[in-house]
Amino acid sequence: MRSDALAVQVERRIFLVRGQKVMLDADLAELYRVPTKSLNLAVKRNADRFPEDFTFQLTDDEVAGLRFHFETSKRGRGGRRYLPYAFTEQGVAMLSGVLRSSRAVQVNIAIMRTFVRLREMLLSNAELARKLAALENKYDAQFKVVFDAIRELMLPPAPPKRQIGFHVREETTRGYRVRRRK
């Protein structure tokens, strides 16, 4: 399998769970071409290499939230019997040492490169957001005058004030008809 095709496959299988980018055990097993049961068994045999921040088991709610991503049936309908394990970037790196096959090393290199590329993309997006905020702050002072003028124009006119003093009001003709000349 070509490395760029493998990178695309890996990228599609990275999910965000508990605020971390993770890969699921079934996806890793498929990439390493081993049964999921064998992968999980190797992890359990080497439990000291996989602390909680390297791998963790998903909860029912997390599985339900991810169900549409990995298209499995519900528990009672022939799907997975156990909750899947999620591996963080460090957990995936540790897996290559546990599995010890040339395929595992090749796949692991592709996975690490994908994680690094994702991290670089996130950093560039954060830098872009920081620059945009700086531009907004810089031009806010200049545009504040314009926005204040626009707000003043949008205000409804003030009601006319009552004048102080004596006012002469001409009375209209009461009861008389005024004819207009043609």
C-alpha atoms as a PDB file:
ATOM      1  CA  MET A   1       0.000   0.000   0.000  1.00  0.00           C
ATOM      2  CA  ARG A   2       1.383   3.425  -0.915  1.00  0.00           C
ATOM      3  CA  SER A   3       2.310   5.691   1.953  1.00  0.00           C
ATOM      4  CA  ASP A   4       0.030   8.563   0.855  1.00  0.00           C
ATOM      5  CA  ALA A   5      -2.950   6.191   0.580  1.00  0.00           C
ATOM      6  CA  LEU A   6      -2.095   4.836   4.020  1.00  0.00           C
ATOM      7  CA  ALA A   7      -1.875   8.392   5.375  1.00  0.00           C
ATOM      8  CA  VAL A   8      -5.365   9.148   4.037  1.00  0.00           C
ATOM      9  CA  GLN A   9      -6.698   5.964   5.643  1.00  0.00           C
ATOM     10  CA  VAL A  10      -5.088   6.890   8.945  1.00  0.00           C
ATOM     11  CA  GLU A  11      -6.392  10.452   8.815  1.00  0.00           C
ATOM     12  CA  ARG A  12      -9.974   9.247   8.382  1.00  0.00           C
ATOM     13  CA  ARG A  13      -9.666   7.026  11.440  1.00  0.00           C
ATOM     14  CA  ILE A  14      -8.524   9.649  13.911  1.00  0.00           C
ATOM     15  CA  PHE A  15     -11.337  10.812  16.182  1.00  0.00           C
ATOM     16  CA  LEU A  16     -11.596  13.428  18.898  1.00  0.00           C
ATOM     17  CA  VAL A  17     -12.631  11.788  22.184  1.00  0.00           C
ATOM     18  CA  ARG A  18     -12.306  13.403  25.628  1.00  0.00           C
ATOM     19  CA  GLY A  19     -10.454  16.288  24.025  1.00  0.00           C
ATOM     20  CA  GLN A  20      -7.738  14.016  22.596  1.00  0.00           C
ATOM     21  CA  LYS A  21      -7.063  12.742  19.098  1.00  0.00           C
ATOM     22  CA  VAL A  22      -7.366   8.953  19.265  1.00  0.00           C
ATOM     23  CA  MET A  23      -7.580   5.874  17.073  1.00  0.00           C
ATOM     24  CA  LEU A  24      -9.802   2.920  17.921  1.00  0.00           C
ATOM     25  CA  ASP A  25      -8.506  -0.595  18.469  1.00  0.00           C
ATOM     26  CA  ALA A  26     -10.445  -2.073  15.528  1.00  0.00           C
ATOM     27  CA  ASP A  27      -9.039   0.532  13.125  1.00  0.00           C
ATOM     28  CA  LEU A  28      -5.491  -0.050  14.328  1.00  0.00           C
ATOM     29  CA  ALA A  29      -5.924  -3.817  14.081  1.00  0.00           C
ATOM     30  CA  GLU A  30      -7.123  -3.450  10.497  1.00  0.00           C
ATOM     31  CA  LEU A  31      -4.152  -1.252   9.583  1.00  0.00           C
ATOM     32  CA  TYR A  32      -1.692  -3.642  11.284  1.00  0.00           C
ATOM     33  CA  ARG A  33      -3.524  -6.597   9.678  1.00  0.00           C
ATOM     34  CA  VAL A  34      -4.054  -8.430  12.952  1.00  0.00           C
ATOM     35  CA  PRO A  35      -7.330  -9.433  14.632  1.00  0.00           C
ATOM     36  CA  THR A  36      -8.703  -6.884  17.111  1.00  0.00           C
ATOM     37  CA  LYS A  37      -8.707  -9.565  19.784  1.00  0.00           C
ATOM     38  CA  SER A  38      -4.954 -10.163  19.305  1.00  0.00           C
ATOM     39  CA  LEU A  39      -4.198  -6.447  19.493  1.00  0.00           C
ATOM     40  CA  ASN A  40      -6.199  -6.016  22.702  1.00  0.00           C
ATOM     41  CA  LEU A  41      -4.622  -9.153  24.169  1.00  0.00           C
ATOM     42  CA  ALA A  42      -1.120  -7.808  23.454  1.00  0.00           C
ATOM     43  CA  VAL A  43      -2.066  -4.539  25.150  1.00  0.00           C
ATOM     44  CA  LYS A  44      -3.420  -6.359  28.215  1.00  0.00           C
ATOM     45  CA  ARG A  45      -0.279  -8.514  28.456  1.00  0.00           C
ATOM     46  CA  ASN A  46       1.820  -5.338  28.449  1.00  0.00           C
ATOM     47  CA  ALA A  47      -0.488  -3.224  30.612  1.00  0.00           C
ATOM     48  CA  ASP A  48       2.472  -1.497  32.287  1.00  0.00           C
ATOM     49  CA  ARG A  49       3.361   0.100  28.918  1.00  0.00           C
ATOM     50  CA  PHE A  50      -0.125   1.566  28.427  1.00  0.00           C
ATOM     51  CA  PRO A  51      -1.136   3.981  31.213  1.00  0.00           C
ATOM     52  CA  GLU A  52      -4.482   5.812  31.135  1.00  0.00           C
ATOM     53  CA  ASP A  53      -3.123   8.700  29.068  1.00  0.00           C
ATOM     54  CA  PHE A  54      -1.917   6.257  26.357  1.00  0.00           C
ATOM     55  CA  THR A  55      -5.048   4.125  26.058  1.00  0.00           C
ATOM     56  CA  PHE A  56      -8.494   4.027  27.631  1.00  0.00           C
ATOM     57  CA  GLN A  57     -11.735   2.149  27.173  1.00  0.00           C
ATOM     58  CA  LEU A  58     -14.638   4.150  25.767  1.00  0.00           C
ATOM     59  CA  THR A  59     -17.909   4.513  27.656  1.00  0.00           C
ATOM     60  CA  ASP A  60     -21.327   3.576  26.266  1.00  0.00           C
ATOM     61  CA  ASP A  61     -22.120   7.240  25.585  1.00  0.00           C
ATOM     62  CA  GLU A  62     -18.863   7.785  23.698  1.00  0.00           C
ATOM     63  CA  VAL A  63     -19.475   4.669  21.603  1.00  0.00           C
ATOM     64  CA  ALA A  64     -23.001   5.869  20.807  1.00  0.00           C
ATOM     65  CA  GLY A  65     -21.574   9.232  19.740  1.00  0.00           C
ATOM     66  CA  LEU A  66     -19.044   7.584  17.436  1.00  0.00           C
ATOM     67  CA  ARG A  67     -21.346   4.850  16.118  1.00  0.00           C
ATOM     68  CA  PHE A  68     -22.035   6.565  12.785  1.00  0.00           C
ATOM     69  CA  HIS A  69     -18.267   6.879  12.166  1.00  0.00           C
ATOM     70  CA  PHE A  70     -17.405   3.212  12.299  1.00  0.00           C
ATOM     71  CA  GLU A  71     -20.711   1.685  11.190  1.00  0.00           C
ATOM     72  CA  THR A  72     -21.216  -1.117  13.676  1.00  0.00           C
ATOM     73  CA  SER A  73     -24.419  -2.608  14.866  1.00  0.00           C
ATOM     74  CA  LYS A  74     -25.684  -2.332  18.404  1.00  0.00           C
ATOM     75  CA  ARG A  75     -24.384  -4.679  21.076  1.00  0.00           C
ATOM     76  CA  GLY A  76     -27.233  -7.181  21.039  1.00  0.00           C
ATOM     77  CA  ARG A  77     -27.298  -7.535  17.261  1.00  0.00           C
ATOM     78  CA  GLY A  78     -24.046  -9.303  16.486  1.00  0.00           C
ATOM     79  CA  GLY A  79     -21.773  -6.276  16.820  1.00  0.00           C
ATOM     80  CA  ARG A  80     -18.935  -5.804  19.287  1.00  0.00           C
ATOM     81  CA  ARG A  81     -19.366  -7.537  22.603  1.00  0.00           C
ATOM     82  CA  TYR A  82     -16.959  -5.257  24.460  1.00  0.00           C
ATOM     83  CA  LEU A  83     -16.416  -1.529  24.568  1.00  0.00           C
ATOM     84  CA  PRO A  84     -13.588  -0.478  22.223  1.00  0.00           C
ATOM     85  CA  TYR A  85     -10.243   0.856  23.367  1.00  0.00           C
ATOM     86  CA  ALA A  86      -8.969   4.233  22.205  1.00  0.00           C
ATOM     87  CA  PHE A  87      -5.245   4.860  21.700  1.00  0.00           C
ATOM     88  CA  THR A  88      -3.699   8.318  21.871  1.00  0.00           C
ATOM     89  CA  GLU A  89      -0.647   9.256  19.827  1.00  0.00           C
ATOM     90  CA  GLN A  90       1.667   7.939  22.551  1.00  0.00           C
ATOM     91  CA  GLY A  91      -0.334   4.718  22.799  1.00  0.00           C
ATOM     92  CA  VAL A  92      -0.020   4.134  19.060  1.00  0.00           C
ATOM     93  CA  ALA A  93       3.737   4.703  19.313  1.00  0.00           C
ATOM     94  CA  MET A  94       3.934   2.132  22.104  1.00  0.00           C
ATOM     95  CA  LEU A  95       1.964  -0.399  20.033  1.00  0.00           C
ATOM     96  CA  SER A  96       4.762  -0.828  17.488  1.00  0.00           C
ATOM     97  CA  GLY A  97       7.059  -2.053  20.247  1.00  0.00           C
ATOM     98  CA  VAL A  98       4.461  -4.533  21.457  1.00  0.00           C
ATOM     99  CA  LEU A  99       3.492  -5.969  18.053  1.00  0.00           C
ATOM    100  CA  ARG A 100       7.068  -6.300  16.688  1.00  0.00           C
ATOM    101  CA  SER A 101       6.387  -6.826  12.992  1.00  0.00           C
ATOM    102  CA  SER A 102       7.684  -5.000   9.929  1.00  0.00           C
ATOM    103  CA  ARG A 103       4.107  -4.120   8.951  1.00  0.00           C
ATOM    104  CA  ALA A 104       3.533  -2.625  12.412  1.00  0.00           C
ATOM    105  CA  VAL A 105       6.638  -0.445  12.052  1.00  0.00           C
ATOM    106  CA  GLN A 106       5.609   0.820   8.583  1.00  0.00           C
ATOM    107  CA  VAL A 107       2.059   1.577   9.673  1.00  0.00           C
ATOM    108  CA  ASN A 108       3.295   3.214  12.851  1.00  0.00           C
ATOM    109  CA  ILE A 109       5.563   5.567  10.891  1.00  0.00           C
ATOM    110  CA  ALA A 110       2.613   6.602   8.706  1.00  0.00           C
ATOM    111  CA  ILE A 111       0.420   7.139  11.777  1.00  0.00           C
ATOM    112  CA  MET A 112       3.055   9.276  13.525  1.00  0.00           C
ATOM    113  CA  ARG A 113       3.500  11.420  10.401  1.00  0.00           C
ATOM    114  CA  THR A 114      -0.261  11.920  10.206  1.00  0.00           C
ATOM    115  CA  PHE A 115      -0.483  12.960  13.866  1.00  0.00           C
ATOM    116  CA  VAL A 116       2.393  15.420  13.347  1.00  0.00           C
ATOM    117  CA  ARG A 117       0.722  16.875  10.232  1.00  0.00           C
ATOM    118  CA  LEU A 118      -2.561  17.326  12.144  1.00  0.00           C
ATOM    119  CA  ARG A 119      -0.720  19.046  14.990  1.00  0.00           C
ATOM    120  CA  GLU A 120       1.004  21.414  12.528  1.00  0.00           C
ATOM    121  CA  MET A 121      -2.342  22.268  10.911  1.00  0.00           C
ATOM    122  CA  LEU A 122      -3.855  23.069  14.314  1.00  0.00           C
ATOM    123  CA  LEU A 123      -0.894  25.282  15.210  1.00  0.00           C
ATOM    124  CA  SER A 124      -1.124  27.188  11.917  1.00  0.00           C
ATOM    125  CA  ASN A 125      -4.860  27.725  12.485  1.00  0.00           C
ATOM    126  CA  ALA A 126      -4.168  29.006  15.997  1.00  0.00           C
ATOM    127  CA  GLU A 127      -1.519  31.377  14.646  1.00  0.00           C
ATOM    128  CA  LEU A 128      -3.931  32.657  11.989  1.00  0.00           C
ATOM    129  CA  ALA A 129      -6.595  33.296  14.643  1.00  0.00           C
ATOM    130  CA  ARG A 130      -4.051  35.176  16.770  1.00  0.00           C
ATOM    131  CA  LYS A 131      -3.083  37.402  13.806  1.00  0.00           C
ATOM    132  CA  LEU A 132      -6.725  38.076  13.014  1.00  0.00           C
ATOM    133  CA  ALA A 133      -7.393  39.111  16.618  1.00  0.00           C
ATOM    134  CA  ALA A 134      -4.391  41.466  16.500  1.00  0.00           C
ATOM    135  CA  LEU A 135      -5.716  43.071  13.300  1.00  0.00           C
ATOM    136  CA  GLU A 136      -9.159  43.475  14.847  1.00  0.00           C
ATOM    137  CA  ASN A 137      -7.672  45.203  17.895  1.00  0.00           C
ATOM    138  CA  LYS A 138      -5.534  47.443  15.687  1.00  0.00           C
ATOM    139  CA  TYR A 139      -8.379  48.587  13.476  1.00  0.00           C
ATOM    140  CA  ASP A 140     -11.028  48.696  16.185  1.00  0.00           C
ATOM    141  CA  ALA A 141      -9.815  52.113  17.315  1.00  0.00           C
ATOM    142  CA  GLN A 142      -9.968  53.479  13.770  1.00  0.00           C
ATOM    143  CA  PHE A 143     -13.370  52.071  13.018  1.00  0.00           C
ATOM    144  CA  LYS A 144     -14.782  52.995  16.431  1.00  0.00           C
ATOM    145  CA  VAL A 145     -15.338  56.554  15.212  1.00  0.00           C
ATOM    146  CA  VAL A 146     -17.175  55.287  12.126  1.00  0.00           C
ATOM    147  CA  PHE A 147     -19.292  52.856  14.138  1.00  0.00           C
ATOM    148  CA  ASP A 148     -20.165  55.559  16.687  1.00  0.00           C
ATOM    149  CA  ALA A 149     -21.306  57.887  13.881  1.00  0.00           C
ATOM    150  CA  ILE A 150     -23.427  55.118  12.370  1.00  0.00           C
ATOM    151  CA  ARG A 151     -24.993  54.372  15.758  1.00  0.00           C
ATOM    152  CA  GLU A 152     -25.876  58.047  16.223  1.00  0.00           C
ATOM    153  CA  LEU A 153     -27.541  58.115  12.811  1.00  0.00           C
ATOM    154  CA  MET A 154     -29.536  55.019  13.698  1.00  0.00           C
ATOM    155  CA  LEU A 155     -30.935  56.536  16.902  1.00  0.00           C
ATOM    156  CA  PRO A 156     -34.503  57.838  16.622  1.00  0.00           C
ATOM    157  CA  PRO A 157     -34.799  61.633  16.673  1.00  0.00           C
ATOM    158  CA  ALA A 158     -35.335  63.145  20.089  1.00  0.00           C
ATOM    159  CA  PRO A 159     -38.898  64.312  20.750  1.00  0.00           C
ATOM    160  CA  PRO A 160     -39.289  68.100  20.413  1.00  0.00           C
ATOM    161  CA  LYS A 161     -38.836  69.931  23.689  1.00  0.00           C
ATOM    162  CA  ARG A 162     -41.500  72.239  25.006  1.00  0.00           C
ATOM    163  CA  GLN A 163     -40.467  75.850  24.676  1.00  0.00           C
ATOM    164  CA  ILE A 164     -40.411  78.068  27.695  1.00  0.00           C
ATOM    165  CA  GLY A 165     -42.323  81.338  27.653  1.00  0.00           C
ATOM    166  CA  PHE A 166     -45.538  82.846  26.300  1.00  0.00           C
ATOM    167  CA  HIS A 167     -46.857  81.370  23.076  1.00  0.00           C
ATOM    168  CA  VAL A 168     -49.481  82.952  20.878  1.00  0.00           C
ATOM    169  CA  ARG A 169     -51.649  80.449  19.175  1.00  0.00           C
ATOM    170  CA  GLU A 170     -53.991  81.592  16.512  1.00  0.00           C
ATOM    171  CA  GLU A 171     -57.363  80.168  16.929  1.00  0.00           C
ATOM    172  CA  THR A 172     -59.070  78.562  14.018  1.00  0.00           C
ATOM    173  CA  THR A 173     -62.417  79.726  12.798  1.00  0.00           C
ATOM    174  CA  ARG A 174     -64.966  78.065  14.967  1.00  0.00           C
ATOM    175  CA  GLY A 175     -68.089  76.981  13.268  1.00  0.00           C
ATOM    176  CA  TYR A 176     -67.566  79.258  10.311  1.00  0.00           C
ATOM    177  CA  ARG A 177     -67.087  77.954   6.848  1.00  0.00           C
ATOM    178  CA  VAL A 178     -64.361  79.494   4.868  1.00  0.00           C
ATOM    179  CA  ARG A 179     -64.970  79.691   1.168  1.00  0.00           C
ATOM    180  CA  ARG A 180     -62.083  79.485  -1.091  1.00  0.00           C
ATOM    181  CA  ARG A 181     -61.940  81.449  -4.262  1.00  0.00           C
ATOM    182  CA  LYS A 182     -61.692  79.674  -7.521  1.00  0.00           C
END
